[in-house]
Amino acid sequence: MLELDIIKQHVRLEPDEVEEDTLLDTYATAARRMVEHQTGRNLYATEGEIPTDAEGNATDEHALVLDDDLTTAMLLLIGHWYENREAVALGTIATELPMAVQALISPYRHFHFD
């Protein structure tokens, strides 16, 4: 969903450095899934990717299209995971994910009311 070039720019890797590509792709998938889980919505790269019925009406009523806020949140997650590859490191204090991630994605949350 996020282009590898923008991810590499965010983590300060040169575009021709390919050794970490698989890892970065894995982090990108995990970041997308985290945004979807935290918002309770399915994330699409463009409006054109939202599934529609025969009349052209969206069939995913809670679809969420990737925008700058969500892109930034995903890049912050990827950068955090890239720099902190273990859950806990010796000699450090365990910290939560960057606070900005929650601030960026919380306005997009869908609440289910039964």
PDB file of N, CA and C in Angstrom:
ATOM      1  N   MET A   1       0.827  -1.181   0.000  1.00  0.00           N
ATOM      2  CA  MET A   1       0.000   0.000   0.000  1.00  0.00           C
ATOM      3  C   MET A   1       0.878   1.254   0.000  1.00  0.00           C
ATOM      4  N   LEU A   2       1.836   1.316   0.916  1.00  0.00           N
ATOM      5  CA  LEU A   2       2.810   2.411   0.867  1.00  0.00           C
ATOM      6  C   LEU A   2       3.938   2.013  -0.068  1.00  0.00           C
ATOM      7  N   GLU A   3       4.386   2.949  -0.860  1.00  0.00           N
ATOM      8  CA  GLU A   3       5.491   2.690  -1.777  1.00  0.00           C
ATOM      9  C   GLU A   3       6.783   2.499  -0.979  1.00  0.00           C
ATOM     10  N   LEU A   4       7.576   1.539  -1.403  1.00  0.00           N
ATOM     11  CA  LEU A   4       8.830   1.233  -0.727  1.00  0.00           C
ATOM     12  C   LEU A   4       9.767   2.442  -0.723  1.00  0.00           C
ATOM     13  N   ASP A   5       9.716   3.265  -1.768  1.00  0.00           N
ATOM     14  CA  ASP A   5      10.587   4.444  -1.835  1.00  0.00           C
ATOM     15  C   ASP A   5      10.322   5.416  -0.679  1.00  0.00           C
ATOM     16  N   ILE A   6       9.044   5.652  -0.360  1.00  0.00           N
ATOM     17  CA  ILE A   6       8.737   6.586   0.725  1.00  0.00           C
ATOM     18  C   ILE A   6       9.110   5.980   2.077  1.00  0.00           C
ATOM     19  N   ILE A   7       8.951   4.663   2.195  1.00  0.00           N
ATOM     20  CA  ILE A   7       9.348   3.990   3.439  1.00  0.00           C
ATOM     21  C   ILE A   7      10.856   4.101   3.622  1.00  0.00           C
ATOM     22  N   LYS A   8      11.615   3.845   2.562  1.00  0.00           N
ATOM     23  CA  LYS A   8      13.079   3.942   2.649  1.00  0.00           C
ATOM     24  C   LYS A   8      13.510   5.367   2.973  1.00  0.00           C
ATOM     25  N   GLN A   9      12.847   6.335   2.390  1.00  0.00           N
ATOM     26  CA  GLN A   9      13.175   7.728   2.696  1.00  0.00           C
ATOM     27  C   GLN A   9      12.931   8.012   4.175  1.00  0.00           C
ATOM     28  N   HIS A  10      11.829   7.492   4.702  1.00  0.00           N
ATOM     29  CA  HIS A  10      11.496   7.723   6.109  1.00  0.00           C
ATOM     30  C   HIS A  10      12.521   7.094   7.058  1.00  0.00           C
ATOM     31  N   VAL A  11      12.992   5.894   6.740  1.00  0.00           N
ATOM     32  CA  VAL A  11      13.955   5.230   7.627  1.00  0.00           C
ATOM     33  C   VAL A  11      15.401   5.538   7.235  1.00  0.00           C
ATOM     34  N   ARG A  12      15.547   6.451   6.301  1.00  0.00           N
ATOM     35  CA  ARG A  12      16.855   6.950   5.869  1.00  0.00           C
ATOM     36  C   ARG A  12      17.727   5.871   5.208  1.00  0.00           C
ATOM     37  N   LEU A  13      17.104   5.119   4.311  1.00  0.00           N
ATOM     38  CA  LEU A  13      17.837   4.159   3.486  1.00  0.00           C
ATOM     39  C   LEU A  13      17.867   4.682   2.052  1.00  0.00           C
ATOM     40  N   GLU A  14      18.957   4.441   1.370  1.00  0.00           N
ATOM     41  CA  GLU A  14      19.054   4.817  -0.035  1.00  0.00           C
ATOM     42  C   GLU A  14      18.148   3.916  -0.869  1.00  0.00           C
ATOM     43  N   PRO A  15      17.549   4.442  -1.924  1.00  0.00           N
ATOM     44  CA  PRO A  15      16.643   3.642  -2.757  1.00  0.00           C
ATOM     45  C   PRO A  15      17.269   2.372  -3.320  1.00  0.00           C
ATOM     46  N   ASP A  16      18.581   2.388  -3.561  1.00  0.00           N
ATOM     47  CA  ASP A  16      19.235   1.207  -4.147  1.00  0.00           C
ATOM     48  C   ASP A  16      19.658   0.176  -3.099  1.00  0.00           C
ATOM     49  N   GLU A  17      19.462   0.471  -1.814  1.00  0.00           N
ATOM     50  CA  GLU A  17      19.731  -0.507  -0.759  1.00  0.00           C
ATOM     51  C   GLU A  17      18.533  -1.451  -0.685  1.00  0.00           C
ATOM     52  N   VAL A  18      18.766  -2.721  -1.045  1.00  0.00           N
ATOM     53  CA  VAL A  18      17.646  -3.670  -1.148  1.00  0.00           C
ATOM     54  C   VAL A  18      17.655  -4.748  -0.067  1.00  0.00           C
ATOM     55  N   GLU A  19      18.668  -4.779   0.780  1.00  0.00           N
ATOM     56  CA  GLU A  19      18.784  -5.835   1.781  1.00  0.00           C
ATOM     57  C   GLU A  19      17.617  -5.853   2.763  1.00  0.00           C
ATOM     58  N   GLU A  20      17.021  -4.717   3.037  1.00  0.00           N
ATOM     59  CA  GLU A  20      15.953  -4.608   4.028  1.00  0.00           C
ATOM     60  C   GLU A  20      14.558  -4.560   3.399  1.00  0.00           C
ATOM     61  N   ASP A  21      14.450  -4.724   2.086  1.00  0.00           N
ATOM     62  CA  ASP A  21      13.162  -4.569   1.399  1.00  0.00           C
ATOM     63  C   ASP A  21      12.082  -5.506   1.937  1.00  0.00           C
ATOM     64  N   THR A  22      12.397  -6.773   2.125  1.00  0.00           N
ATOM     65  CA  THR A  22      11.410  -7.724   2.617  1.00  0.00           C
ATOM     66  C   THR A  22      10.949  -7.352   4.017  1.00  0.00           C
ATOM     67  N   LEU A  23      11.886  -6.968   4.867  1.00  0.00           N
ATOM     68  CA  LEU A  23      11.551  -6.550   6.221  1.00  0.00           C
ATOM     69  C   LEU A  23      10.642  -5.320   6.198  1.00  0.00           C
ATOM     70  N   LEU A  24      10.988  -4.343   5.375  1.00  0.00           N
ATOM     71  CA  LEU A  24      10.180  -3.126   5.284  1.00  0.00           C
ATOM     72  C   LEU A  24       8.783  -3.417   4.740  1.00  0.00           C
ATOM     73  N   ASP A  25       8.676  -4.327   3.775  1.00  0.00           N
ATOM     74  CA  ASP A  25       7.366  -4.730   3.264  1.00  0.00           C
ATOM     75  C   ASP A  25       6.531  -5.391   4.364  1.00  0.00           C
ATOM     76  N   THR A  26       7.190  -6.218   5.171  1.00  0.00           N
ATOM     77  CA  THR A  26       6.503  -6.878   6.285  1.00  0.00           C
ATOM     78  C   THR A  26       5.994  -5.848   7.281  1.00  0.00           C
ATOM     79  N   TYR A  27       6.831  -4.881   7.627  1.00  0.00           N
ATOM     80  CA  TYR A  27       6.421  -3.817   8.538  1.00  0.00           C
ATOM     81  C   TYR A  27       5.264  -3.001   7.944  1.00  0.00           C
ATOM     82  N   ALA A  28       5.302  -2.746   6.637  1.00  0.00           N
ATOM     83  CA  ALA A  28       4.241  -1.974   5.984  1.00  0.00           C
ATOM     84  C   ALA A  28       2.907  -2.709   6.073  1.00  0.00           C
ATOM     85  N   THR A  29       2.937  -4.019   5.873  1.00  0.00           N
ATOM     86  CA  THR A  29       1.714  -4.817   5.986  1.00  0.00           C
ATOM     87  C   THR A  29       1.197  -4.789   7.421  1.00  0.00           C
ATOM     88  N   ALA A  30       2.098  -4.940   8.373  1.00  0.00           N
ATOM     89  CA  ALA A  30       1.703  -4.910   9.786  1.00  0.00           C
ATOM     90  C   ALA A  30       1.141  -3.538  10.166  1.00  0.00           C
ATOM     91  N   ALA A  31       1.728  -2.467   9.652  1.00  0.00           N
ATOM     92  CA  ALA A  31       1.241  -1.114   9.942  1.00  0.00           C
ATOM     93  C   ALA A  31      -0.162  -0.926   9.371  1.00  0.00           C
ATOM     94  N   ARG A  32      -0.394  -1.410   8.143  1.00  0.00           N
ATOM     95  CA  ARG A  32      -1.733  -1.317   7.561  1.00  0.00           C
ATOM     96  C   ARG A  32      -2.744  -2.068   8.417  1.00  0.00           C
ATOM     97  N   ARG A  33      -2.379  -3.270   8.822  1.00  0.00           N
ATOM     98  CA  ARG A  33      -3.289  -4.068   9.641  1.00  0.00           C
ATOM     99  C   ARG A  33      -3.552  -3.417  10.992  1.00  0.00           C
ATOM    100  N   MET A  34      -2.541  -2.776  11.564  1.00  0.00           N
ATOM    101  CA  MET A  34      -2.740  -2.105  12.843  1.00  0.00           C
ATOM    102  C   MET A  34      -3.704  -0.936  12.691  1.00  0.00           C
ATOM    103  N   VAL A  35      -3.554  -0.160  11.624  1.00  0.00           N
ATOM    104  CA  VAL A  35      -4.475   0.950  11.377  1.00  0.00           C
ATOM    105  C   VAL A  35      -5.894   0.413  11.196  1.00  0.00           C
ATOM    106  N   GLU A  36      -6.029  -0.666  10.437  1.00  0.00           N
ATOM    107  CA  GLU A  36      -7.354  -1.252  10.240  1.00  0.00           C
ATOM    108  C   GLU A  36      -7.942  -1.746  11.561  1.00  0.00           C
ATOM    109  N   HIS A  37      -7.124  -2.393  12.350  1.00  0.00           N
ATOM    110  CA  HIS A  37      -7.595  -2.903  13.639  1.00  0.00           C
ATOM    111  C   HIS A  37      -7.981  -1.759  14.575  1.00  0.00           C
ATOM    112  N   GLN A  38      -7.152  -0.746  14.658  1.00  0.00           N
ATOM    113  CA  GLN A  38      -7.406   0.366  15.571  1.00  0.00           C
ATOM    114  C   GLN A  38      -8.612   1.208  15.153  1.00  0.00           C
ATOM    115  N   THR A  39      -8.878   1.281  13.849  1.00  0.00           N
ATOM    116  CA  THR A  39      -9.999   2.087  13.373  1.00  0.00           C
ATOM    117  C   THR A  39     -11.272   1.264  13.188  1.00  0.00           C
ATOM    118  N   GLY A  40     -11.135  -0.050  13.091  1.00  0.00           N
ATOM    119  CA  GLY A  40     -12.286  -0.888  12.815  1.00  0.00           C
ATOM    120  C   GLY A  40     -12.786  -0.725  11.392  1.00  0.00           C
ATOM    121  N   ARG A  41     -11.894  -0.326  10.498  1.00  0.00           N
ATOM    122  CA  ARG A  41     -12.259  -0.052   9.107  1.00  0.00           C
ATOM    123  C   ARG A  41     -11.247  -0.691   8.168  1.00  0.00           C
ATOM    124  N   ASN A  42     -11.683  -0.943   6.919  1.00  0.00           N
ATOM    125  CA  ASN A  42     -10.777  -1.477   5.900  1.00  0.00           C
ATOM    126  C   ASN A  42     -10.103  -0.316   5.182  1.00  0.00           C
ATOM    127  N   LEU A  43      -8.805  -0.431   5.003  1.00  0.00           N
ATOM    128  CA  LEU A  43      -8.013   0.632   4.407  1.00  0.00           C
ATOM    129  C   LEU A  43      -7.772   0.340   2.926  1.00  0.00           C
ATOM    130  N   TYR A  44      -7.991   1.354   2.096  1.00  0.00           N
ATOM    131  CA  TYR A  44      -7.791   1.248   0.648  1.00  0.00           C
ATOM    132  C   TYR A  44      -6.847   2.366   0.206  1.00  0.00           C
ATOM    133  N   ALA A  45      -6.021   2.063  -0.794  1.00  0.00           N
ATOM    134  CA  ALA A  45      -5.059   3.050  -1.289  1.00  0.00           C
ATOM    135  C   ALA A  45      -5.764   4.207  -1.996  1.00  0.00           C
ATOM    136  N   THR A  46      -6.831   3.905  -2.736  1.00  0.00           N
ATOM    137  CA  THR A  46      -7.578   4.927  -3.471  1.00  0.00           C
ATOM    138  C   THR A  46      -9.072   4.636  -3.373  1.00  0.00           C
ATOM    139  N   GLU A  47      -9.889   5.626  -3.695  1.00  0.00           N
ATOM    140  CA  GLU A  47     -11.337   5.415  -3.709  1.00  0.00           C
ATOM    141  C   GLU A  47     -11.722   4.371  -4.739  1.00  0.00           C
ATOM    142  N   GLY A  48     -10.962   4.300  -5.838  1.00  0.00           N
ATOM    143  CA  GLY A  48     -11.242   3.343  -6.887  1.00  0.00           C
ATOM    144  C   GLY A  48     -11.088   1.894  -6.462  1.00  0.00           C
ATOM    145  N   GLU A  49     -10.395   1.645  -5.370  1.00  0.00           N
ATOM    146  CA  GLU A  49     -10.208   0.281  -4.870  1.00  0.00           C
ATOM    147  C   GLU A  49     -11.349  -0.190  -3.972  1.00  0.00           C
ATOM    148  N   ILE A  50     -12.207   0.713  -3.546  1.00  0.00           N
ATOM    149  CA  ILE A  50     -13.328   0.328  -2.681  1.00  0.00           C
ATOM    150  C   ILE A  50     -14.290  -0.522  -3.511  1.00  0.00           C
ATOM    151  N   PRO A  51     -14.639  -1.721  -3.027  1.00  0.00           N
ATOM    152  CA  PRO A  51     -15.543  -2.579  -3.799  1.00  0.00           C
ATOM    153  C   PRO A  51     -16.922  -1.942  -3.971  1.00  0.00           C
ATOM    154  N   THR A  52     -17.510  -2.186  -5.141  1.00  0.00           N
ATOM    155  CA  THR A  52     -18.827  -1.642  -5.450  1.00  0.00           C
ATOM    156  C   THR A  52     -19.743  -2.746  -5.964  1.00  0.00           C
ATOM    157  N   ASP A  53     -21.039  -2.470  -5.896  1.00  0.00           N
ATOM    158  CA  ASP A  53     -22.017  -3.413  -6.448  1.00  0.00           C
ATOM    159  C   ASP A  53     -22.249  -3.080  -7.925  1.00  0.00           C
ATOM    160  N   ALA A  54     -23.207  -3.749  -8.546  1.00  0.00           N
ATOM    161  CA  ALA A  54     -23.478  -3.570  -9.969  1.00  0.00           C
ATOM    162  C   ALA A  54     -23.881  -2.139 -10.320  1.00  0.00           C
ATOM    163  N   GLU A  55     -24.486  -1.426  -9.367  1.00  0.00           N
ATOM    164  CA  GLU A  55     -24.894  -0.036  -9.617  1.00  0.00           C
ATOM    165  C   GLU A  55     -23.782   0.964  -9.321  1.00  0.00           C
ATOM    166  N   GLY A  56     -22.647   0.495  -8.856  1.00  0.00           N
ATOM    167  CA  GLY A  56     -21.527   1.383  -8.557  1.00  0.00           C
ATOM    168  C   GLY A  56     -21.521   1.929  -7.150  1.00  0.00           C
ATOM    169  N   ASN A  57     -22.390   1.409  -6.290  1.00  0.00           N
ATOM    170  CA  ASN A  57     -22.425   1.843  -4.892  1.00  0.00           C
ATOM    171  C   ASN A  57     -21.388   1.074  -4.084  1.00  0.00           C
ATOM    172  N   ALA A  58     -20.715   1.766  -3.202  1.00  0.00           N
ATOM    173  CA  ALA A  58     -19.706   1.130  -2.358  1.00  0.00           C
ATOM    174  C   ALA A  58     -20.347   0.046  -1.501  1.00  0.00           C
ATOM    175  N   THR A  59     -19.717  -1.114  -1.455  1.00  0.00           N
ATOM    176  CA  THR A  59     -20.237  -2.214  -0.634  1.00  0.00           C
ATOM    177  C   THR A  59     -19.565  -2.277   0.732  1.00  0.00           C
ATOM    178  N   ASP A  60     -18.514  -1.518   0.908  1.00  0.00           N
ATOM    179  CA  ASP A  60     -17.838  -1.438   2.202  1.00  0.00           C
ATOM    180  C   ASP A  60     -18.186  -0.081   2.801  1.00  0.00           C
ATOM    181  N   GLU A  61     -19.226  -0.060   3.631  1.00  0.00           N
ATOM    182  CA  GLU A  61     -19.715   1.211   4.155  1.00  0.00           C
ATOM    183  C   GLU A  61     -18.756   1.887   5.125  1.00  0.00           C
ATOM    184  N   HIS A  62     -17.771   1.165   5.609  1.00  0.00           N
ATOM    185  CA  HIS A  62     -16.798   1.742   6.538  1.00  0.00           C
ATOM    186  C   HIS A  62     -15.411   1.841   5.907  1.00  0.00           C
ATOM    187  N   ALA A  63     -15.370   1.913   4.581  1.00  0.00           N
ATOM    188  CA  ALA A  63     -14.095   2.007   3.865  1.00  0.00           C
ATOM    189  C   ALA A  63     -13.341   3.263   4.305  1.00  0.00           C
ATOM    190  N   LEU A  64     -12.044   3.138   4.330  1.00  0.00           N
ATOM    191  CA  LEU A  64     -11.179   4.246   4.715  1.00  0.00           C
ATOM    192  C   LEU A  64     -10.090   4.372   3.657  1.00  0.00           C
ATOM    193  N   VAL A  65      -9.987   5.540   3.038  1.00  0.00           N
ATOM    194  CA  VAL A  65      -9.000   5.769   1.990  1.00  0.00           C
ATOM    195  C   VAL A  65      -7.745   6.376   2.608  1.00  0.00           C
ATOM    196  N   LEU A  66      -6.608   5.812   2.235  1.00  0.00           N
ATOM    197  CA  LEU A  66      -5.312   6.281   2.732  1.00  0.00           C
ATOM    198  C   LEU A  66      -5.146   7.763   2.443  1.00  0.00           C
ATOM    199  N   ASP A  67      -4.827   8.537   3.474  1.00  0.00           N
ATOM    200  CA  ASP A  67      -4.556   9.960   3.313  1.00  0.00           C
ATOM    201  C   ASP A  67      -3.236  10.287   4.014  1.00  0.00           C
ATOM    202  N   ASP A  68      -2.909  11.571   4.092  1.00  0.00           N
ATOM    203  CA  ASP A  68      -1.624  11.967   4.679  1.00  0.00           C
ATOM    204  C   ASP A  68      -1.512  11.589   6.153  1.00  0.00           C
ATOM    205  N   ASP A  69      -2.599  11.736   6.915  1.00  0.00           N
ATOM    206  CA  ASP A  69      -2.550  11.385   8.340  1.00  0.00           C
ATOM    207  C   ASP A  69      -2.250   9.903   8.526  1.00  0.00           C
ATOM    208  N   LEU A  70      -2.973   9.073   7.776  1.00  0.00           N
ATOM    209  CA  LEU A  70      -2.786   7.627   7.909  1.00  0.00           C
ATOM    210  C   LEU A  70      -1.426   7.192   7.379  1.00  0.00           C
ATOM    211  N   THR A  71      -0.977   7.816   6.299  1.00  0.00           N
ATOM    212  CA  THR A  71       0.357   7.529   5.768  1.00  0.00           C
ATOM    213  C   THR A  71       1.415   7.862   6.815  1.00  0.00           C
ATOM    214  N   THR A  72       1.274   9.021   7.455  1.00  0.00           N
ATOM    215  CA  THR A  72       2.234   9.431   8.485  1.00  0.00           C
ATOM    216  C   THR A  72       2.220   8.458   9.654  1.00  0.00           C
ATOM    217  N   ALA A  73       1.035   8.062  10.092  1.00  0.00           N
ATOM    218  CA  ALA A  73       0.933   7.101  11.196  1.00  0.00           C
ATOM    219  C   ALA A  73       1.624   5.792  10.831  1.00  0.00           C
ATOM    220  N   MET A  74       1.389   5.309   9.623  1.00  0.00           N
ATOM    221  CA  MET A  74       2.010   4.058   9.190  1.00  0.00           C
ATOM    222  C   MET A  74       3.529   4.205   9.100  1.00  0.00           C
ATOM    223  N   LEU A  75       4.003   5.329   8.593  1.00  0.00           N
ATOM    224  CA  LEU A  75       5.454   5.547   8.517  1.00  0.00           C
ATOM    225  C   LEU A  75       6.073   5.622   9.908  1.00  0.00           C
ATOM    226  N   LEU A  76       5.382   6.254  10.857  1.00  0.00           N
ATOM    227  CA  LEU A  76       5.893   6.298  12.231  1.00  0.00           C
ATOM    228  C   LEU A  76       5.989   4.894  12.825  1.00  0.00           C
ATOM    229  N   LEU A  77       4.980   4.072  12.574  1.00  0.00           N
ATOM    230  CA  LEU A  77       5.021   2.690  13.054  1.00  0.00           C
ATOM    231  C   LEU A  77       6.184   1.928  12.425  1.00  0.00           C
ATOM    232  N   ILE A  78       6.300   2.021  11.122  1.00  0.00           N
ATOM    233  CA  ILE A  78       7.374   1.317  10.414  1.00  0.00           C
ATOM    234  C   ILE A  78       8.728   1.773  10.915  1.00  0.00           C
ATOM    235  N   GLY A  79       8.913   3.070  11.064  1.00  0.00           N
ATOM    236  CA  GLY A  79      10.189   3.595  11.558  1.00  0.00           C
ATOM    237  C   GLY A  79      10.489   3.118  12.968  1.00  0.00           C
ATOM    238  N   HIS A  80       9.466   3.085  13.808  1.00  0.00           N
ATOM    239  CA  HIS A  80       9.633   2.614  15.185  1.00  0.00           C
ATOM    240  C   HIS A  80      10.060   1.147  15.194  1.00  0.00           C
ATOM    241  N   TRP A  81       9.368   0.328  14.415  1.00  0.00           N
ATOM    242  CA  TRP A  81       9.698  -1.099  14.365  1.00  0.00           C
ATOM    243  C   TRP A  81      11.065  -1.338  13.738  1.00  0.00           C
ATOM    244  N   TYR A  82      11.431  -0.523  12.768  1.00  0.00           N
ATOM    245  CA  TYR A  82      12.729  -0.680  12.103  1.00  0.00           C
ATOM    246  C   TYR A  82      13.870  -0.381  13.073  1.00  0.00           C
ATOM    247  N   GLU A  83      13.692   0.640  13.888  1.00  0.00           N
ATOM    248  CA  GLU A  83      14.731   1.019  14.844  1.00  0.00           C
ATOM    249  C   GLU A  83      14.733   0.152  16.096  1.00  0.00           C
ATOM    250  N   ASN A  84      13.593  -0.394  16.463  1.00  0.00           N
ATOM    251  CA  ASN A  84      13.447  -1.184  17.688  1.00  0.00           C
ATOM    252  C   ASN A  84      12.953  -2.575  17.303  1.00  0.00           C
ATOM    253  N   ARG A  85      13.856  -3.423  16.906  1.00  0.00           N
ATOM    254  CA  ARG A  85      13.478  -4.710  16.327  1.00  0.00           C
ATOM    255  C   ARG A  85      13.105  -5.773  17.343  1.00  0.00           C
ATOM    256  N   GLU A  86      13.220  -5.488  18.586  1.00  0.00           N
ATOM    257  CA  GLU A  86      12.829  -6.425  19.637  1.00  0.00           C
ATOM    258  C   GLU A  86      11.791  -5.750  20.529  1.00  0.00           C
ATOM    259  N   ALA A  87      10.993  -6.556  21.200  1.00  0.00           N
ATOM    260  CA  ALA A  87       9.966  -5.995  22.080  1.00  0.00           C
ATOM    261  C   ALA A  87      10.588  -5.219  23.238  1.00  0.00           C
ATOM    262  N   VAL A  88      11.697  -5.734  23.763  1.00  0.00           N
ATOM    263  CA  VAL A  88      12.409  -5.076  24.860  1.00  0.00           C
ATOM    264  C   VAL A  88      13.896  -5.210  24.587  1.00  0.00           C
ATOM    265  N   ALA A  89      14.630  -4.141  24.818  1.00  0.00           N
ATOM    266  CA  ALA A  89      16.077  -4.175  24.660  1.00  0.00           C
ATOM    267  C   ALA A  89      16.725  -3.996  26.027  1.00  0.00           C
ATOM    268  N   LEU A  90      17.772  -4.737  26.294  1.00  0.00           N
ATOM    269  CA  LEU A  90      18.479  -4.615  27.561  1.00  0.00           C
ATOM    270  C   LEU A  90      19.024  -3.207  27.716  1.00  0.00           C
ATOM    271  N   GLY A  91      18.896  -2.697  28.927  1.00  0.00           N
ATOM    272  CA  GLY A  91      19.440  -1.372  29.208  1.00  0.00           C
ATOM    273  C   GLY A  91      18.531  -0.231  28.795  1.00  0.00           C
ATOM    274  N   THR A  92      17.314  -0.544  28.343  1.00  0.00           N
ATOM    275  CA  THR A  92      16.388   0.519  27.976  1.00  0.00           C
ATOM    276  C   THR A  92      15.083   0.350  28.742  1.00  0.00           C
ATOM    277  N   ILE A  93      14.329   1.387  28.735  1.00  0.00           N
ATOM    278  CA  ILE A  93      13.005   1.346  29.349  1.00  0.00           C
ATOM    279  C   ILE A  93      12.006   1.042  28.245  1.00  0.00           C
ATOM    280  N   ALA A  94      11.151   0.072  28.467  1.00  0.00           N
ATOM    281  CA  ALA A  94      10.141  -0.270  27.469  1.00  0.00           C
ATOM    282  C   ALA A  94       9.208   0.923  27.276  1.00  0.00           C
ATOM    283  N   THR A  95       8.952   1.269  26.024  1.00  0.00           N
ATOM    284  CA  THR A  95       8.064   2.385  25.723  1.00  0.00           C
ATOM    285  C   THR A  95       6.960   1.918  24.788  1.00  0.00           C
ATOM    286  N   GLU A  96       5.858   2.648  24.827  1.00  0.00           N
ATOM    287  CA  GLU A  96       4.771   2.369  23.906  1.00  0.00           C
ATOM    288  C   GLU A  96       5.128   2.915  22.531  1.00  0.00           C
ATOM    289  N   LEU A  97       4.279   2.619  21.577  1.00  0.00           N
ATOM    290  CA  LEU A  97       4.462   3.165  20.237  1.00  0.00           C
ATOM    291  C   LEU A  97       4.401   4.678  20.294  1.00  0.00           C
ATOM    292  N   PRO A  98       4.943   5.330  19.291  1.00  0.00           N
ATOM    293  CA  PRO A  98       4.906   6.799  19.293  1.00  0.00           C
ATOM    294  C   PRO A  98       3.496   7.326  19.524  1.00  0.00           C
ATOM    295  N   MET A  99       3.372   8.275  20.442  1.00  0.00           N
ATOM    296  CA  MET A  99       2.077   8.835  20.804  1.00  0.00           C
ATOM    297  C   MET A  99       1.367   9.434  19.587  1.00  0.00           C
ATOM    298  N   ALA A 100       2.121   9.940  18.650  1.00  0.00           N
ATOM    299  CA  ALA A 100       1.526  10.561  17.468  1.00  0.00           C
ATOM    300  C   ALA A 100       0.704   9.574  16.656  1.00  0.00           C
ATOM    301  N   VAL A 101       1.027   8.298  16.701  1.00  0.00           N
ATOM    302  CA  VAL A 101       0.285   7.304  15.932  1.00  0.00           C
ATOM    303  C   VAL A 101      -1.176   7.295  16.372  1.00  0.00           C
ATOM    304  N   GLN A 102      -1.427   7.194  17.657  1.00  0.00           N
ATOM    305  CA  GLN A 102      -2.800   7.201  18.156  1.00  0.00           C
ATOM    306  C   GLN A 102      -3.497   8.526  17.837  1.00  0.00           C
ATOM    307  N   ALA A 103      -2.779   9.618  17.963  1.00  0.00           N
ATOM    308  CA  ALA A 103      -3.375  10.927  17.670  1.00  0.00           C
ATOM    309  C   ALA A 103      -3.772  11.032  16.198  1.00  0.00           C
ATOM    310  N   LEU A 104      -3.005  10.428  15.319  1.00  0.00           N
ATOM    311  CA  LEU A 104      -3.290  10.502  13.890  1.00  0.00           C
ATOM    312  C   LEU A 104      -4.430   9.591  13.458  1.00  0.00           C
ATOM    313  N   ILE A 105      -4.532   8.410  14.072  1.00  0.00           N
ATOM    314  CA  ILE A 105      -5.557   7.472  13.589  1.00  0.00           C
ATOM    315  C   ILE A 105      -6.855   7.484  14.389  1.00  0.00           C
ATOM    316  N   SER A 106      -6.847   8.013  15.602  1.00  0.00           N
ATOM    317  CA  SER A 106      -8.065   7.952  16.418  1.00  0.00           C
ATOM    318  C   SER A 106      -9.262   8.680  15.804  1.00  0.00           C
ATOM    319  N   PRO A 107      -9.098   9.783  15.061  1.00  0.00           N
ATOM    320  CA  PRO A 107     -10.283  10.411  14.467  1.00  0.00           C
ATOM    321  C   PRO A 107     -10.984   9.539  13.425  1.00  0.00           C
ATOM    322  N   TYR A 108     -10.331   8.515  12.942  1.00  0.00           N
ATOM    323  CA  TYR A 108     -10.892   7.653  11.906  1.00  0.00           C
ATOM    324  C   TYR A 108     -11.607   6.424  12.462  1.00  0.00           C
ATOM    325  N   ARG A 109     -11.619   6.283  13.775  1.00  0.00           N
ATOM    326  CA  ARG A 109     -12.225   5.087  14.389  1.00  0.00           C
ATOM    327  C   ARG A 109     -13.700   5.007  14.090  1.00  0.00           C
ATOM    328  N   HIS A 110     -14.134   3.804  13.827  1.00  0.00           N
ATOM    329  CA  HIS A 110     -15.560   3.522  13.643  1.00  0.00           C
ATOM    330  C   HIS A 110     -16.022   2.771  14.869  1.00  0.00           C
ATOM    331  N   PHE A 111     -17.046   3.277  15.505  1.00  0.00           N
ATOM    332  CA  PHE A 111     -17.568   2.635  16.699  1.00  0.00           C
ATOM    333  C   PHE A 111     -18.810   1.839  16.330  1.00  0.00           C
ATOM    334  N   HIS A 112     -18.851   0.592  16.744  1.00  0.00           N
ATOM    335  CA  HIS A 112     -19.995  -0.278  16.481  1.00  0.00           C
ATOM    336  C   HIS A 112     -20.989  -0.134  17.630  1.00  0.00           C
ATOM    337  N   PHE A 113     -22.185   0.211  17.306  1.00  0.00           N
ATOM    338  CA  PHE A 113     -23.231   0.317  18.312  1.00  0.00           C
ATOM    339  C   PHE A 113     -24.260  -0.764  18.039  1.00  0.00           C
ATOM    340  N   ASP A 114     -24.532  -1.568  19.035  1.00  0.00           N
ATOM    341  CA  ASP A 114     -25.535  -2.630  18.886  1.00  0.00           C
ATOM    342  C   ASP A 114     -26.806  -2.282  19.587  1.00  0.00           C
TER     343      ASP A 114
END
